[in-house]
């Protein structure tokens, strides 16, 4: 299980939560038009930088996570808590809010 440093403190997600570094938003449209900051949409794609131990089962054991550190994922648009770490946009969310793992990224 990996952890992320946040202003000198280590961030270690609990339960079935994951910490994701959000991918950069697009600067241009497909046609080459530059987008101002106000028009950019918050991306819902990022790379997992830390994972929790997994959801706790009734017997006290942890259920294994389906995602790992380094996976690039798509997640629900309004899910999680936005956090800024050393100038990077990140989000802390539950594993259930992850929609897909991008293979080949």
PDB file of N, CA and C in Angstrom:
ATOM      1  N   UNK A   1       0.847  -1.164   0.000  1.00  0.00           N
ATOM      2  CA  UNK A   1       0.000   0.000   0.000  1.00  0.00           C
ATOM      3  C   UNK A   1       0.897   1.233   0.000  1.00  0.00           C
ATOM      4  N   UNK A   2       0.664   2.133  -0.941  1.00  0.00           N
ATOM      5  CA  UNK A   2       1.482   3.343  -1.069  1.00  0.00           C
ATOM      6  C   UNK A   2       0.820   4.499  -0.325  1.00  0.00           C
ATOM      7  N   UNK A   3       1.618   5.500  -0.049  1.00  0.00           N
ATOM      8  CA  UNK A   3       1.109   6.698   0.609  1.00  0.00           C
ATOM      9  C   UNK A   3       1.627   7.925  -0.135  1.00  0.00           C
ATOM     10  N   UNK A   4       0.955   9.043   0.027  1.00  0.00           N
ATOM     11  CA  UNK A   4       1.305  10.293  -0.631  1.00  0.00           C
ATOM     12  C   UNK A   4       1.628  11.315   0.448  1.00  0.00           C
ATOM     13  N   UNK A   5       2.648  12.137   0.220  1.00  0.00           N
ATOM     14  CA  UNK A   5       2.989  13.176   1.183  1.00  0.00           C
ATOM     15  C   UNK A   5       2.201  14.441   0.882  1.00  0.00           C
ATOM     16  N   UNK A   6       1.527  14.979   1.870  1.00  0.00           N
ATOM     17  CA  UNK A   6       0.699  16.170   1.737  1.00  0.00           C
ATOM     18  C   UNK A   6       1.161  17.185   2.766  1.00  0.00           C
ATOM     19  N   UNK A   7       1.868  18.225   2.303  1.00  0.00           N
ATOM     20  CA  UNK A   7       2.380  19.277   3.190  1.00  0.00           C
ATOM     21  C   UNK A   7       3.117  18.699   4.395  1.00  0.00           C
ATOM     22  N   UNK A   8       4.003  17.747   4.149  1.00  0.00           N
ATOM     23  CA  UNK A   8       4.797  17.156   5.209  1.00  0.00           C
ATOM     24  C   UNK A   8       4.134  15.987   5.910  1.00  0.00           C
ATOM     25  N   UNK A   9       2.843  15.765   5.691  1.00  0.00           N
ATOM     26  CA  UNK A   9       2.140  14.647   6.304  1.00  0.00           C
ATOM     27  C   UNK A   9       1.903  13.567   5.256  1.00  0.00           C
ATOM     28  N   UNK A  10       1.906  12.320   5.677  1.00  0.00           N
ATOM     29  CA  UNK A  10       1.692  11.208   4.769  1.00  0.00           C
ATOM     30  C   UNK A  10       0.194  10.917   4.653  1.00  0.00           C
ATOM     31  N   UNK A  11      -0.292  10.758   3.415  1.00  0.00           N
ATOM     32  CA  UNK A  11      -1.699  10.440   3.177  1.00  0.00           C
ATOM     33  C   UNK A  11      -1.800   8.954   2.856  1.00  0.00           C
ATOM     34  N   UNK A  12      -2.541   8.226   3.672  1.00  0.00           N
ATOM     35  CA  UNK A  12      -2.737   6.799   3.468  1.00  0.00           C
ATOM     36  C   UNK A  12      -4.247   6.552   3.480  1.00  0.00           C
ATOM     37  N   UNK A  13      -4.859   6.286   2.314  1.00  0.00           N
ATOM     38  CA  UNK A  13      -6.308   6.088   2.267  1.00  0.00           C
ATOM     39  C   UNK A  13      -6.762   4.934   3.170  1.00  0.00           C
ATOM     40  N   UNK A  14      -7.941   5.074   3.742  1.00  0.00           N
ATOM     41  CA  UNK A  14      -8.515   4.048   4.601  1.00  0.00           C
ATOM     42  C   UNK A  14      -9.571   3.260   3.846  1.00  0.00           C
ATOM     43  N   UNK A  15      -9.820   2.041   4.280  1.00  0.00           N
ATOM     44  CA  UNK A  15     -10.874   1.209   3.702  1.00  0.00           C
ATOM     45  C   UNK A  15     -10.706   1.007   2.215  1.00  0.00           C
ATOM     46  N   UNK A  16     -11.795   1.226   1.477  1.00  0.00           N
ATOM     47  CA  UNK A  16     -11.764   0.997   0.022  1.00  0.00           C
ATOM     48  C   UNK A  16     -11.572   2.306  -0.745  1.00  0.00           C
ATOM     49  N   UNK A  17     -10.839   3.240  -0.161  1.00  0.00           N
ATOM     50  CA  UNK A  17     -10.619   4.537  -0.819  1.00  0.00           C
ATOM     51  C   UNK A  17      -9.311   4.529  -1.609  1.00  0.00           C
ATOM     52  N   UNK A  18      -9.280   5.367  -2.649  1.00  0.00           N
ATOM     53  CA  UNK A  18      -8.088   5.524  -3.486  1.00  0.00           C
ATOM     54  C   UNK A  18      -7.778   7.006  -3.629  1.00  0.00           C
ATOM     55  N   UNK A  19      -6.498   7.313  -3.825  1.00  0.00           N
ATOM     56  CA  UNK A  19      -6.031   8.684  -4.007  1.00  0.00           C
ATOM     57  C   UNK A  19      -5.544   8.778  -5.439  1.00  0.00           C
ATOM     58  N   UNK A  20      -6.137   9.678  -6.224  1.00  0.00           N
ATOM     59  CA  UNK A  20      -5.877   9.764  -7.661  1.00  0.00           C
ATOM     60  C   UNK A  20      -5.324  11.131  -8.023  1.00  0.00           C
ATOM     61  N   UNK A  21      -4.241  11.137  -8.820  1.00  0.00           N
ATOM     62  CA  UNK A  21      -3.718  12.375  -9.393  1.00  0.00           C
ATOM     63  C   UNK A  21      -4.477  12.604 -10.693  1.00  0.00           C
ATOM     64  N   UNK A  22      -5.174  13.727 -10.780  1.00  0.00           N
ATOM     65  CA  UNK A  22      -6.017  14.030 -11.935  1.00  0.00           C
ATOM     66  C   UNK A  22      -5.156  14.372 -13.141  1.00  0.00           C
ATOM     67  N   UNK A  23      -5.534  13.841 -14.304  1.00  0.00           N
ATOM     68  CA  UNK A  23      -4.834  14.150 -15.555  1.00  0.00           C
ATOM     69  C   UNK A  23      -5.077  15.601 -15.935  1.00  0.00           C
ATOM     70  N   UNK A  24      -4.156  16.170 -16.688  1.00  0.00           N
ATOM     71  CA  UNK A  24      -4.291  17.550 -17.152  1.00  0.00           C
ATOM     72  C   UNK A  24      -5.487  17.676 -18.089  1.00  0.00           C
ATOM     73  N   UNK A  25      -6.204  18.799 -18.007  1.00  0.00           N
ATOM     74  CA  UNK A  25      -7.329  19.031 -18.909  1.00  0.00           C
ATOM     75  C   UNK A  25      -6.805  19.466 -20.271  1.00  0.00           C
ATOM     76  N   UNK A  26      -7.611  19.269 -21.269  1.00  0.00           N
ATOM     77  CA  UNK A  26      -7.221  19.601 -22.637  1.00  0.00           C
ATOM     78  C   UNK A  26      -7.059  21.108 -22.807  1.00  0.00           C
ATOM     79  N   UNK A  27      -5.989  21.514 -23.467  1.00  0.00           N
ATOM     80  CA  UNK A  27      -5.718  22.927 -23.739  1.00  0.00           C
ATOM     81  C   UNK A  27      -6.400  23.379 -25.031  1.00  0.00           C
ATOM     82  N   UNK A  28      -6.601  22.426 -25.962  1.00  0.00           N
ATOM     83  CA  UNK A  28      -7.176  22.739 -27.269  1.00  0.00           C
ATOM     84  C   UNK A  28      -8.323  21.791 -27.573  1.00  0.00           C
ATOM     85  N   UNK A  29      -9.208  22.236 -28.460  1.00  0.00           N
ATOM     86  CA  UNK A  29     -10.256  21.359 -28.962  1.00  0.00           C
ATOM     87  C   UNK A  29      -9.656  20.509 -30.086  1.00  0.00           C
ATOM     88  N   UNK A  30     -10.407  19.544 -30.584  1.00  0.00           N
ATOM     89  CA  UNK A  30      -9.935  18.700 -31.677  1.00  0.00           C
ATOM     90  C   UNK A  30      -9.652  19.530 -32.924  1.00  0.00           C
ATOM     91  N   UNK A  31     -10.341  20.646 -33.082  1.00  0.00           N
ATOM     92  CA  UNK A  31     -10.139  21.530 -34.225  1.00  0.00           C
ATOM     93  C   UNK A  31      -8.989  22.509 -34.049  1.00  0.00           C
ATOM     94  N   UNK A  32      -8.319  22.499 -32.878  1.00  0.00           N
ATOM     95  CA  UNK A  32      -7.165  23.349 -32.656  1.00  0.00           C
ATOM     96  C   UNK A  32      -7.456  24.666 -31.971  1.00  0.00           C
ATOM     97  N   UNK A  33      -8.680  24.868 -31.490  1.00  0.00           N
ATOM     98  CA  UNK A  33      -9.041  26.115 -30.815  1.00  0.00           C
ATOM     99  C   UNK A  33      -8.549  26.049 -29.367  1.00  0.00           C
ATOM    100  N   UNK A  34      -7.819  27.071 -28.921  1.00  0.00           N
ATOM    101  CA  UNK A  34      -7.342  27.126 -27.538  1.00  0.00           C
ATOM    102  C   UNK A  34      -8.506  27.435 -26.598  1.00  0.00           C
ATOM    103  N   UNK A  35      -8.556  26.711 -25.493  1.00  0.00           N
ATOM    104  CA  UNK A  35      -9.628  26.896 -24.524  1.00  0.00           C
ATOM    105  C   UNK A  35      -9.164  27.770 -23.363  1.00  0.00           C
ATOM    106  N   UNK A  36      -9.962  28.784 -22.965  1.00  0.00           N
ATOM    107  CA  UNK A  36      -9.623  29.555 -21.769  1.00  0.00           C
ATOM    108  C   UNK A  36      -9.882  28.699 -20.530  1.00  0.00           C
ATOM    109  N   UNK A  37      -9.267  29.046 -19.402  1.00  0.00           N
ATOM    110  CA  UNK A  37      -9.415  28.264 -18.175  1.00  0.00           C
ATOM    111  C   UNK A  37     -10.870  28.091 -17.768  1.00  0.00           C
ATOM    112  N   UNK A  38     -11.691  29.108 -17.963  1.00  0.00           N
ATOM    113  CA  UNK A  38     -13.097  29.040 -17.567  1.00  0.00           C
ATOM    114  C   UNK A  38     -13.881  28.021 -18.390  1.00  0.00           C
ATOM    115  N   UNK A  39     -13.440  27.727 -19.599  1.00  0.00           N
ATOM    116  CA  UNK A  39     -14.174  26.806 -20.464  1.00  0.00           C
ATOM    117  C   UNK A  39     -13.714  25.359 -20.318  1.00  0.00           C
ATOM    118  N   UNK A  40     -12.608  25.143 -19.623  1.00  0.00           N
ATOM    119  CA  UNK A  40     -12.087  23.783 -19.477  1.00  0.00           C
ATOM    120  C   UNK A  40     -12.938  22.993 -18.500  1.00  0.00           C
ATOM    121  N   UNK A  41     -13.239  21.750 -18.866  1.00  0.00           N
ATOM    122  CA  UNK A  41     -13.967  20.867 -17.970  1.00  0.00           C
ATOM    123  C   UNK A  41     -12.982  20.130 -17.087  1.00  0.00           C
ATOM    124  N   UNK A  42     -13.395  19.865 -15.855  1.00  0.00           N
ATOM    125  CA  UNK A  42     -12.564  19.075 -14.963  1.00  0.00           C
ATOM    126  C   UNK A  42     -12.510  17.649 -15.512  1.00  0.00           C
ATOM    127  N   UNK A  43     -11.312  17.122 -15.761  1.00  0.00           N
ATOM    128  CA  UNK A  43     -11.229  15.762 -16.300  1.00  0.00           C
ATOM    129  C   UNK A  43     -11.681  14.737 -15.260  1.00  0.00           C
ATOM    130  N   UNK A  44     -12.192  13.625 -15.720  1.00  0.00           N
ATOM    131  CA  UNK A  44     -12.590  12.546 -14.813  1.00  0.00           C
ATOM    132  C   UNK A  44     -11.721  11.320 -15.075  1.00  0.00           C
ATOM    133  N   UNK A  45     -10.433  11.584 -15.304  1.00  0.00           N
ATOM    134  CA  UNK A  45      -9.457  10.544 -15.569  1.00  0.00           C
ATOM    135  C   UNK A  45      -8.200  10.884 -14.778  1.00  0.00           C
ATOM    136  N   UNK A  46      -7.530   9.862 -14.257  1.00  0.00           N
ATOM    137  CA  UNK A  46      -6.308  10.106 -13.516  1.00  0.00           C
ATOM    138  C   UNK A  46      -5.568   8.825 -13.221  1.00  0.00           C
ATOM    139  N   UNK A  47      -4.444   8.992 -12.521  1.00  0.00           N
ATOM    140  CA  UNK A  47      -3.589   7.860 -12.164  1.00  0.00           C
ATOM    141  C   UNK A  47      -3.635   7.651 -10.663  1.00  0.00           C
ATOM    142  N   UNK A  48      -3.819   6.414 -10.243  1.00  0.00           N
ATOM    143  CA  UNK A  48      -3.891   6.090  -8.823  1.00  0.00           C
ATOM    144  C   UNK A  48      -2.490   6.183  -8.219  1.00  0.00           C
ATOM    145  N   UNK A  49      -2.363   6.969  -7.131  1.00  0.00           N
ATOM    146  CA  UNK A  49      -1.072   7.116  -6.467  1.00  0.00           C
ATOM    147  C   UNK A  49      -1.048   6.452  -5.084  1.00  0.00           C
ATOM    148  N   UNK A  50      -2.214   6.120  -4.534  1.00  0.00           N
ATOM    149  CA  UNK A  50      -2.272   5.410  -3.251  1.00  0.00           C
ATOM    150  C   UNK A  50      -3.614   4.702  -3.135  1.00  0.00           C
ATOM    151  N   UNK A  51      -3.612   3.525  -2.507  1.00  0.00           N
ATOM    152  CA  UNK A  51      -4.841   2.763  -2.283  1.00  0.00           C
ATOM    153  C   UNK A  51      -4.921   2.343  -0.825  1.00  0.00           C
ATOM    154  N   UNK A  52      -6.148   2.198  -0.343  1.00  0.00           N
ATOM    155  CA  UNK A  52      -6.357   1.708   1.008  1.00  0.00           C
ATOM    156  C   UNK A  52      -6.259   0.189   1.042  1.00  0.00           C
ATOM    157  N   UNK A  53      -6.409  -0.402   2.224  1.00  0.00           N
ATOM    158  CA  UNK A  53      -6.288  -1.854   2.371  1.00  0.00           C
ATOM    159  C   UNK A  53      -7.473  -2.631   1.803  1.00  0.00           C
ATOM    160  N   UNK A  54      -8.580  -1.969   1.526  1.00  0.00           N
ATOM    161  CA  UNK A  54      -9.771  -2.635   1.008  1.00  0.00           C
ATOM    162  C   UNK A  54     -10.907  -2.594   2.014  1.00  0.00           C
ATOM    163  N   UNK A  55     -12.095  -2.880   1.521  1.00  0.00           N
ATOM    164  CA  UNK A  55     -13.289  -2.881   2.367  1.00  0.00           C
ATOM    165  C   UNK A  55     -13.191  -4.009   3.390  1.00  0.00           C
ATOM    166  N   UNK A  56     -13.598  -3.723   4.626  1.00  0.00           N
ATOM    167  CA  UNK A  56     -13.547  -4.733   5.688  1.00  0.00           C
ATOM    168  C   UNK A  56     -14.790  -5.632   5.608  1.00  0.00           C
ATOM    169  N   UNK A  57     -14.557  -6.935   5.589  1.00  0.00           N
ATOM    170  CA  UNK A  57     -15.645  -7.918   5.564  1.00  0.00           C
ATOM    171  C   UNK A  57     -16.194  -8.130   6.965  1.00  0.00           C
ATOM    172  N   UNK A  58     -17.318  -8.835   7.078  1.00  0.00           N
ATOM    173  CA  UNK A  58     -17.948  -9.096   8.371  1.00  0.00           C
ATOM    174  C   UNK A  58     -17.031  -9.856   9.328  1.00  0.00           C
ATOM    175  N   UNK A  59     -16.139 -10.699   8.792  1.00  0.00           N
ATOM    176  CA  UNK A  59     -15.235 -11.472   9.647  1.00  0.00           C
ATOM    177  C   UNK A  59     -13.975 -10.692  10.034  1.00  0.00           C
ATOM    178  N   UNK A  60     -13.877  -9.435   9.601  1.00  0.00           N
ATOM    179  CA  UNK A  60     -12.747  -8.597   9.962  1.00  0.00           C
ATOM    180  C   UNK A  60     -11.625  -8.572   8.941  1.00  0.00           C
ATOM    181  N   UNK A  61     -11.667  -9.453   7.960  1.00  0.00           N
ATOM    182  CA  UNK A  61     -10.630  -9.455   6.923  1.00  0.00           C
ATOM    183  C   UNK A  61     -10.916  -8.349   5.903  1.00  0.00           C
ATOM    184  N   UNK A  62      -9.908  -8.023   5.092  1.00  0.00           N
ATOM    185  CA  UNK A  62     -10.057  -7.000   4.065  1.00  0.00           C
ATOM    186  C   UNK A  62     -10.303  -7.643   2.708  1.00  0.00           C
ATOM    187  N   UNK A  63     -11.265  -7.089   1.967  1.00  0.00           N
ATOM    188  CA  UNK A  63     -11.533  -7.528   0.599  1.00  0.00           C
ATOM    189  C   UNK A  63     -10.484  -6.882  -0.300  1.00  0.00           C
ATOM    190  N   UNK A  64      -9.876  -7.665  -1.170  1.00  0.00           N
ATOM    191  CA  UNK A  64      -8.824  -7.147  -2.047  1.00  0.00           C
ATOM    192  C   UNK A  64      -9.380  -6.064  -2.974  1.00  0.00           C
ATOM    193  N   UNK A  65      -8.552  -5.054  -3.249  1.00  0.00           N
ATOM    194  CA  UNK A  65      -8.937  -3.966  -4.153  1.00  0.00           C
ATOM    195  C   UNK A  65      -8.796  -4.438  -5.600  1.00  0.00           C
ATOM    196  N   UNK A  66      -9.665  -3.950  -6.490  1.00  0.00           N
ATOM    197  CA  UNK A  66      -9.602  -4.293  -7.913  1.00  0.00           C
ATOM    198  C   UNK A  66      -8.628  -3.415  -8.675  1.00  0.00           C
ATOM    199  N   UNK A  67      -8.145  -2.339  -8.050  1.00  0.00           N
ATOM    200  CA  UNK A  67      -7.216  -1.415  -8.701  1.00  0.00           C
ATOM    201  C   UNK A  67      -5.910  -1.371  -7.920  1.00  0.00           C
ATOM    202  N   UNK A  68      -4.848  -0.931  -8.600  1.00  0.00           N
ATOM    203  CA  UNK A  68      -3.523  -0.868  -7.987  1.00  0.00           C
ATOM    204  C   UNK A  68      -2.895   0.497  -8.235  1.00  0.00           C
ATOM    205  N   UNK A  69      -1.859   0.817  -7.470  1.00  0.00           N
ATOM    206  CA  UNK A  69      -1.098   2.039  -7.683  1.00  0.00           C
ATOM    207  C   UNK A  69      -0.525   1.995  -9.100  1.00  0.00           C
ATOM    208  N   UNK A  70      -0.657   3.112  -9.822  1.00  0.00           N
ATOM    209  CA  UNK A  70      -0.151   3.200 -11.188  1.00  0.00           C
ATOM    210  C   UNK A  70      -1.212   2.990 -12.248  1.00  0.00           C
ATOM    211  N   UNK A  71      -2.377   2.451 -11.880  1.00  0.00           N
ATOM    212  CA  UNK A  71      -3.468   2.266 -12.853  1.00  0.00           C
ATOM    213  C   UNK A  71      -4.024   3.624 -13.272  1.00  0.00           C
ATOM    214  N   UNK A  72      -4.332   3.769 -14.560  1.00  0.00           N
ATOM    215  CA  UNK A  72      -5.028   4.960 -15.056  1.00  0.00           C
ATOM    216  C   UNK A  72      -6.500   4.606 -15.119  1.00  0.00           C
ATOM    217  N   UNK A  73      -7.344   5.427 -14.497  1.00  0.00           N
ATOM    218  CA  UNK A  73      -8.758   5.096 -14.352  1.00  0.00           C
ATOM    219  C   UNK A  73      -9.666   6.246 -14.782  1.00  0.00           C
ATOM    220  N   UNK A  74     -10.905   5.887 -15.094  1.00  0.00           N
ATOM    221  CA  UNK A  74     -11.998   6.841 -15.286  1.00  0.00           C
ATOM    222  C   UNK A  74     -12.863   6.756 -14.045  1.00  0.00           C
ATOM    223  N   UNK A  75     -13.319   7.905 -13.523  1.00  0.00           N
ATOM    224  CA  UNK A  75     -14.153   7.896 -12.326  1.00  0.00           C
ATOM    225  C   UNK A  75     -15.346   8.824 -12.513  1.00  0.00           C
ATOM    226  N   UNK A  76     -16.348   8.661 -11.666  1.00  0.00           N
ATOM    227  CA  UNK A  76     -17.556   9.466 -11.738  1.00  0.00           C
ATOM    228  C   UNK A  76     -17.229  10.950 -11.640  1.00  0.00           C
ATOM    229  N   UNK A  77     -17.928  11.743 -12.412  1.00  0.00           N
ATOM    230  CA  UNK A  77     -17.625  13.167 -12.556  1.00  0.00           C
ATOM    231  C   UNK A  77     -17.655  13.951 -11.235  1.00  0.00           C
ATOM    232  N   UNK A  78     -18.637  13.727 -10.399  1.00  0.00           N
ATOM    233  CA  UNK A  78     -18.778  14.513  -9.174  1.00  0.00           C
ATOM    234  C   UNK A  78     -18.432  13.707  -7.927  1.00  0.00           C
ATOM    235  N   UNK A  79     -17.638  12.663  -8.076  1.00  0.00           N
ATOM    236  CA  UNK A  79     -17.288  11.792  -6.953  1.00  0.00           C
ATOM    237  C   UNK A  79     -16.080  12.324  -6.191  1.00  0.00           C
ATOM    238  N   UNK A  80     -15.987  11.958  -4.935  1.00  0.00           N
ATOM    239  CA  UNK A  80     -14.792  12.192  -4.151  1.00  0.00           C
ATOM    240  C   UNK A  80     -14.607  13.591  -3.619  1.00  0.00           C
ATOM    241  N   UNK A  81     -13.442  13.782  -2.993  1.00  0.00           N
ATOM    242  CA  UNK A  81     -13.056  15.056  -2.406  1.00  0.00           C
ATOM    243  C   UNK A  81     -11.822  15.569  -3.125  1.00  0.00           C
ATOM    244  N   UNK A  82     -11.902  16.779  -3.656  1.00  0.00           N
ATOM    245  CA  UNK A  82     -10.772  17.373  -4.371  1.00  0.00           C
ATOM    246  C   UNK A  82      -9.725  17.863  -3.377  1.00  0.00           C
ATOM    247  N   UNK A  83      -8.458  17.550  -3.665  1.00  0.00           N
ATOM    248  CA  UNK A  83      -7.344  17.937  -2.804  1.00  0.00           C
ATOM    249  C   UNK A  83      -6.214  18.422  -3.702  1.00  0.00           C
ATOM    250  N   UNK A  84      -5.524  19.477  -3.294  1.00  0.00           N
ATOM    251  CA  UNK A  84      -4.383  19.987  -4.052  1.00  0.00           C
ATOM    252  C   UNK A  84      -3.111  19.609  -3.301  1.00  0.00           C
ATOM    253  N   UNK A  85      -2.209  18.874  -3.966  1.00  0.00           N
ATOM    254  CA  UNK A  85      -0.962  18.427  -3.372  1.00  0.00           C
ATOM    255  C   UNK A  85       0.191  18.999  -4.181  1.00  0.00           C
ATOM    256  N   UNK A  86       0.969  19.889  -3.578  1.00  0.00           N
ATOM    257  CA  UNK A  86       2.131  20.486  -4.227  1.00  0.00           C
ATOM    258  C   UNK A  86       1.819  20.989  -5.635  1.00  0.00           C
ATOM    259  N   UNK A  87       0.686  21.659  -5.794  1.00  0.00           N
ATOM    260  CA  UNK A  87       0.297  22.231  -7.084  1.00  0.00           C
ATOM    261  C   UNK A  87      -0.409  21.260  -8.009  1.00  0.00           C
ATOM    262  N   UNK A  88      -0.505  19.990  -7.641  1.00  0.00           N
ATOM    263  CA  UNK A  88      -1.186  18.992  -8.469  1.00  0.00           C
ATOM    264  C   UNK A  88      -2.607  18.770  -7.962  1.00  0.00           C
ATOM    265  N   UNK A  89      -3.549  18.691  -8.896  1.00  0.00           N
ATOM    266  CA  UNK A  89      -4.938  18.405  -8.540  1.00  0.00           C
ATOM    267  C   UNK A  89      -5.085  16.909  -8.302  1.00  0.00           C
ATOM    268  N   UNK A  90      -5.678  16.547  -7.150  1.00  0.00           N
ATOM    269  CA  UNK A  90      -5.901  15.148  -6.802  1.00  0.00           C
ATOM    270  C   UNK A  90      -7.331  14.986  -6.306  1.00  0.00           C
ATOM    271  N   UNK A  91      -7.763  13.746  -6.221  1.00  0.00           N
ATOM    272  CA  UNK A  91      -9.089  13.450  -5.684  1.00  0.00           C
ATOM    273  C   UNK A  91      -8.993  12.186  -4.838  1.00  0.00           C
ATOM    274  N   UNK A  92      -9.695  12.185  -3.699  1.00  0.00           N
ATOM    275  CA  UNK A  92      -9.780  11.032  -2.816  1.00  0.00           C
ATOM    276  C   UNK A  92     -11.192  10.502  -2.936  1.00  0.00           C
ATOM    277  N   UNK A  93     -11.325   9.257  -3.393  1.00  0.00           N
ATOM    278  CA  UNK A  93     -12.669   8.711  -3.597  1.00  0.00           C
ATOM    279  C   UNK A  93     -12.729   7.233  -3.278  1.00  0.00           C
ATOM    280  N   UNK A  94     -13.938   6.728  -3.178  1.00  0.00           N
ATOM    281  CA  UNK A  94     -14.178   5.321  -2.895  1.00  0.00           C
ATOM    282  C   UNK A  94     -13.991   4.499  -4.167  1.00  0.00           C
ATOM    283  N   UNK A  95     -13.556   3.259  -4.008  1.00  0.00           N
ATOM    284  CA  UNK A  95     -13.330   2.383  -5.166  1.00  0.00           C
ATOM    285  C   UNK A  95     -14.607   2.212  -5.996  1.00  0.00           C
ATOM    286  N   UNK A  96     -15.766   2.270  -5.375  1.00  0.00           N
ATOM    287  CA  UNK A  96     -17.027   2.083  -6.106  1.00  0.00           C
ATOM    288  C   UNK A  96     -17.296   3.206  -7.108  1.00  0.00           C
ATOM    289  N   UNK A  97     -16.622   4.367  -6.945  1.00  0.00           N
ATOM    290  CA  UNK A  97     -16.795   5.490  -7.862  1.00  0.00           C
ATOM    291  C   UNK A  97     -15.907   5.386  -9.096  1.00  0.00           C
ATOM    292  N   UNK A  98     -15.032   4.374  -9.137  1.00  0.00           N
ATOM    293  CA  UNK A  98     -14.194   4.146 -10.316  1.00  0.00           C
ATOM    294  C   UNK A  98     -15.025   3.381 -11.335  1.00  0.00           C
ATOM    295  N   UNK A  99     -15.093   3.919 -12.549  1.00  0.00           N
ATOM    296  CA  UNK A  99     -15.918   3.323 -13.596  1.00  0.00           C
ATOM    297  C   UNK A  99     -15.153   2.306 -14.445  1.00  0.00           C
ATOM    298  N   UNK A 100     -13.862   2.576 -14.702  1.00  0.00           N
ATOM    299  CA  UNK A 100     -13.091   1.691 -15.568  1.00  0.00           C
ATOM    300  C   UNK A 100     -11.605   1.924 -15.387  1.00  0.00           C
ATOM    301  N   UNK A 101     -10.818   0.884 -15.665  1.00  0.00           N
ATOM    302  CA  UNK A 101      -9.360   0.977 -15.711  1.00  0.00           C
ATOM    303  C   UNK A 101      -8.993   1.058 -17.187  1.00  0.00           C
ATOM    304  N   UNK A 102      -8.162   2.045 -17.558  1.00  0.00           N
ATOM    305  CA  UNK A 102      -7.739   2.202 -18.939  1.00  0.00           C
ATOM    306  C   UNK A 102      -6.552   1.288 -19.196  1.00  0.00           C
ATOM    307  N   UNK A 103      -6.717   0.341 -20.086  1.00  0.00           N
ATOM    308  CA  UNK A 103      -5.677  -0.619 -20.422  1.00  0.00           C
ATOM    309  C   UNK A 103      -4.841  -0.051 -21.551  1.00  0.00           C
ATOM    310  N   UNK A 104      -3.527  -0.164 -21.446  1.00  0.00           N
ATOM    311  CA  UNK A 104      -2.648   0.345 -22.491  1.00  0.00           C
ATOM    312  C   UNK A 104      -2.257   1.792 -22.275  1.00  0.00           C
ATOM    313  N   UNK A 105      -2.576   2.367 -21.123  1.00  0.00           N
ATOM    314  CA  UNK A 105      -2.214   3.761 -20.813  1.00  0.00           C
ATOM    315  C   UNK A 105      -1.031   3.768 -19.892  1.00  0.00           C
TER     316      UNK A 105
END
